[in-house]
Amino acid sequence: MTLIFTSVTYALKALRLLADHHIHTTLTRSPAVTAVRGCGYGLRLADPSRLEEAKRILERQGVYSLGAVKEG
């Protein structure tokens, strides 16, 4: 699963916050992300089963994603 953000700034902030909680991600600008938001950036979760946990962590810190897409 890939979380989508409005900018690279928010994506990088989210990457750092999730890394602090041992949730590993990779920054991406895949076609699935640009299909949802043309200038969007995404964070692909190494473990998709942690999606809801990742969203809760980010929301507690005031970082909101535009949603999530399944790739592959």
Protein backbone atom coordinates (compact mmCIF):
# COMPACT_ATOMS: atom_id res chain seq x y z
CA MET A 1 0.00 0.00 0.00
CA THR A 2 1.10 3.54 -0.71
CA LEU A 3 0.01 6.57 1.30
CA ILE A 4 -0.43 9.69 -0.83
CA PHE A 5 0.58 13.22 0.21
CA THR A 6 0.18 16.67 -1.34
CA SER A 7 3.88 17.46 -1.43
CA VAL A 8 7.33 16.02 -1.02
CA THR A 9 7.63 18.05 2.20
CA TYR A 10 4.71 16.24 3.84
CA ALA A 11 5.85 12.89 2.46
CA LEU A 12 9.33 13.34 3.95
CA LYS A 13 7.90 14.48 7.29
CA ALA A 14 5.68 11.38 7.30
CA LEU A 15 8.64 9.17 6.38
CA ARG A 16 10.59 10.45 9.40
CA LEU A 17 7.64 10.09 11.78
CA LEU A 18 6.93 6.54 10.66
CA ALA A 19 10.61 5.59 10.85
CA ASP A 20 10.60 6.77 14.47
CA HIS A 21 7.88 4.13 15.05
CA HIS A 22 9.78 1.42 13.13
CA ILE A 23 7.42 1.52 10.14
CA HIS A 24 9.58 1.30 7.04
CA THR A 25 8.54 3.18 3.89
CA THR A 26 9.92 4.21 0.52
CA LEU A 27 9.31 7.60 -1.13
CA THR A 28 7.70 7.21 -4.57
CA ARG A 29 6.09 9.08 -7.45
CA SER A 30 4.55 6.07 -9.13
CA PRO A 31 1.78 6.18 -11.75
CA ALA A 32 -0.74 5.11 -9.08
CA VAL A 33 0.11 8.19 -7.03
CA THR A 34 -0.04 10.62 -9.95
CA ALA A 35 -3.37 9.11 -11.05
CA VAL A 36 -4.88 10.20 -7.73
CA ARG A 37 -3.08 13.53 -7.53
CA GLY A 38 -0.93 14.79 -10.37
CA CYS A 39 1.74 16.39 -8.20
CA GLY A 40 1.43 13.98 -5.30
CA TYR A 41 4.11 11.94 -3.64
CA GLY A 42 3.67 8.62 -1.96
CA LEU A 43 5.16 6.48 0.74
CA ARG A 44 5.09 2.76 -0.01
CA LEU A 45 4.80 0.76 3.19
CA ALA A 46 7.17 -2.20 3.46
CA ASP A 47 4.47 -3.96 5.53
CA PRO A 48 1.00 -3.08 4.16
CA SER A 49 -0.67 -4.63 7.20
CA ARG A 50 0.50 -1.59 9.21
CA LEU A 51 -1.45 0.91 7.09
CA GLU A 52 -4.05 1.82 9.74
CA GLU A 53 -1.36 2.11 12.42
CA ALA A 54 0.66 4.42 10.16
CA LYS A 55 -2.36 6.62 9.48
CA ARG A 56 -3.09 6.93 13.22
CA ILE A 57 0.52 7.87 14.00
CA LEU A 58 0.55 10.55 11.32
CA GLU A 59 -2.86 11.98 12.26
CA ARG A 60 -1.76 12.33 15.90
CA GLN A 61 1.11 14.50 14.61
CA GLY A 62 -1.13 16.56 12.30
CA VAL A 63 0.09 14.94 9.08
CA TYR A 64 -2.79 13.79 6.88
CA SER A 65 -2.59 11.70 3.74
CA LEU A 66 -4.92 12.09 0.78
CA GLY A 67 -5.58 8.37 0.94
CA ALA A 68 -3.93 5.13 0.05
CA VAL A 69 -3.62 3.14 -3.16
CA LYS A 70 -2.69 -0.45 -3.77
CA GLU A 71 0.08 -0.89 -6.29
CA GLY A 72 1.28 -3.86 -8.21
